Amino acid sequence: MKAKISKNEHYFRVDLSGHISYESLDELRQVCREQLQGKRIVFNLQNLRFVGSSGITDFVGLLKSVNPNFLHICSAQAEFYRVFEAQNLRASSFHNSSLEAHNHIESMRHIHGQLDIPQVFIGTPGEGIEYGSE
């Protein structure tokens, strides 16, 4: 699995690609715990695949470790939604595309006022960082 983490003004976006495996989750789990805890995060699953149940339970566990009020998921395949439902995953929102997730977060900002904007930057703003392999 490969992850690219980028930040815009109001949230972090984690673009995941490749196949889920237990080994590839360790680094992502550490980044989430150490650098993204308490931050608004959009997990873009458009290019993420899983074969059978290998790694999916641990992946859902990683998502559950994020505060559900700050967790947004987009572009997941139907298989992921079935697993999320079976595992009772709670998230602030689920979206069909990253643009839809972005628009939702922006509308929340306008309705509820300024969101808590993380002061921690990962990589160069706009460029993000990448790790893992597909």
Protein backbone atom coordinates (compact mmCIF):
# COMPACT_ATOMS: atom_id res chain seq x y z
CA MET A 1 0.00 0.00 0.00
CA LYS A 2 1.21 3.48 -0.79
CA ALA A 3 0.09 6.62 1.05
CA LYS A 4 0.40 10.25 0.04
CA ILE A 5 -0.40 12.76 2.76
CA SER A 6 -1.10 16.34 1.84
CA LYS A 7 -2.59 19.30 3.67
CA ASN A 8 -4.75 22.14 2.56
CA GLU A 9 -5.91 25.02 4.72
CA HIS A 10 -8.52 23.05 6.67
CA TYR A 11 -7.68 19.34 6.65
CA PHE A 12 -5.22 16.60 5.79
CA ARG A 13 -5.90 14.26 2.88
CA VAL A 14 -4.50 10.73 2.85
CA ASP A 15 -4.57 9.23 -0.65
CA LEU A 16 -4.14 5.46 -0.42
CA SER A 17 -3.31 3.18 -3.33
CA GLY A 18 -2.33 -0.41 -3.92
CA HIS A 19 -3.27 -3.41 -1.82
CA ILE A 20 -3.84 -3.37 1.92
CA SER A 21 -1.41 -5.47 3.88
CA TYR A 22 -0.63 -5.71 7.56
CA GLU A 23 2.95 -4.60 7.00
CA SER A 24 1.99 -1.46 5.11
CA LEU A 25 -0.38 -0.35 7.86
CA ASP A 26 2.33 -0.02 10.52
CA GLU A 27 3.87 3.15 9.11
CA LEU A 28 0.49 4.74 8.39
CA ARG A 29 -0.71 3.89 11.91
CA GLN A 30 2.39 5.57 13.36
CA VAL A 31 1.93 8.72 11.25
CA CYS A 32 -1.74 8.93 12.24
CA ARG A 33 -0.93 8.48 15.91
CA GLU A 34 2.04 10.87 16.04
CA GLN A 35 1.19 13.59 13.54
CA LEU A 36 -2.51 13.50 12.65
CA GLN A 37 -4.15 12.72 15.99
CA GLY A 38 -6.96 15.20 16.64
CA LYS A 39 -6.77 16.61 13.10
CA ARG A 40 -9.48 16.59 10.43
CA ILE A 41 -8.57 13.84 7.91
CA VAL A 42 -10.00 12.77 4.57
CA PHE A 43 -9.04 9.23 3.61
CA ASN A 44 -9.27 8.92 -0.18
CA LEU A 45 -9.68 5.21 -0.98
CA GLN A 46 -10.19 5.57 -4.73
CA ASN A 47 -7.09 3.53 -5.64
CA LEU A 48 -7.03 1.21 -2.63
CA ARG A 49 -7.70 -2.49 -3.11
CA PHE A 50 -8.01 -5.45 -0.83
CA VAL A 51 -8.08 -9.13 -1.58
CA GLY A 52 -10.08 -11.17 0.90
CA SER A 53 -9.81 -10.17 4.52
CA SER A 54 -6.02 -9.79 4.59
CA GLY A 55 -5.29 -6.54 6.39
CA ILE A 56 -8.82 -5.13 6.19
CA THR A 57 -9.58 -5.68 9.88
CA ASP A 58 -6.40 -3.86 10.86
CA PHE A 59 -7.19 -1.08 8.38
CA VAL A 60 -10.64 -0.59 9.91
CA GLY A 61 -8.96 -0.58 13.34
CA LEU A 62 -6.69 2.22 12.13
CA LEU A 63 -9.72 4.22 10.92
CA LYS A 64 -11.48 3.61 14.24
CA SER A 65 -8.48 5.11 16.05
CA VAL A 66 -9.27 8.47 14.42
CA ASN A 67 -11.81 10.66 16.22
CA PRO A 68 -15.03 9.97 14.25
CA ASN A 69 -15.87 13.69 14.30
CA PHE A 70 -12.69 14.36 12.28
CA LEU A 71 -12.83 11.30 9.99
CA HIS A 72 -14.05 11.66 6.41
CA ILE A 73 -13.89 8.83 3.88
CA CYS A 74 -14.24 9.20 0.14
CA SER A 75 -14.14 7.20 -3.08
CA ALA A 76 -14.28 3.77 -1.46
CA GLN A 77 -15.37 0.73 -3.43
CA ALA A 78 -18.58 -1.02 -2.42
CA GLU A 79 -16.63 -3.84 -0.74
CA PHE A 80 -15.13 -1.35 1.71
CA TYR A 81 -18.54 0.07 2.63
CA ARG A 82 -19.82 -3.44 3.38
CA VAL A 83 -16.85 -4.05 5.68
CA PHE A 84 -17.24 -0.61 7.32
CA GLU A 85 -20.89 -1.36 8.02
CA ALA A 86 -20.14 -4.83 9.38
CA GLN A 87 -17.39 -3.38 11.62
CA ASN A 88 -19.62 -0.47 12.79
CA LEU A 89 -17.16 2.17 11.58
CA ARG A 90 -18.29 5.66 12.54
CA ALA A 91 -17.13 8.66 10.56
CA SER A 92 -18.16 12.27 10.27
CA SER A 93 -18.99 11.71 6.60
CA PHE A 94 -18.70 9.34 3.64
CA HIS A 95 -18.41 10.76 0.11
CA ASN A 96 -18.33 9.54 -3.48
CA SER A 97 -15.34 11.72 -4.42
CA SER A 98 -12.58 13.79 -2.87
CA LEU A 99 -14.19 16.91 -4.35
CA GLU A 100 -17.44 16.06 -2.57
CA ALA A 101 -15.54 15.59 0.71
CA HIS A 102 -13.74 18.90 0.19
CA ASN A 103 -16.99 20.74 -0.50
CA HIS A 104 -18.59 19.17 2.59
CA ILE A 105 -15.74 20.31 4.84
CA GLU A 106 -15.79 23.78 3.33
CA SER A 107 -19.57 24.03 3.85
CA MET A 108 -19.13 22.96 7.50
CA ARG A 109 -16.57 25.73 7.91
CA HIS A 110 -19.01 28.31 6.57
CA ILE A 111 -21.93 27.01 8.61
CA HIS A 112 -20.13 26.40 11.90
CA GLY A 113 -17.40 29.01 11.66
CA GLN A 114 -13.70 28.48 11.41
CA LEU A 115 -12.55 24.89 11.85
CA ASP A 116 -9.62 24.01 14.03
CA ILE A 117 -6.78 24.28 11.54
CA PRO A 118 -3.80 22.09 12.32
CA GLN A 119 -0.56 24.00 12.74
CA VAL A 120 1.57 20.95 11.99
CA PHE A 121 2.66 20.58 8.38
CA ILE A 122 3.73 17.31 6.86
CA GLY A 123 6.17 17.76 4.00
CA THR A 124 5.94 20.91 1.94
CA PRO A 125 2.44 22.46 1.84
CA GLY A 126 0.76 21.42 -1.38
CA GLU A 127 3.32 18.70 -2.12
CA GLY A 128 2.72 16.24 0.70
CA ILE A 129 4.80 13.21 1.49
CA GLU A 130 4.67 9.70 0.13
CA TYR A 131 5.70 6.38 1.58
CA GLY A 132 5.06 2.71 1.16
CA SER A 133 4.96 0.62 -1.99
CA GLU A 134 2.18 -0.71 -4.12
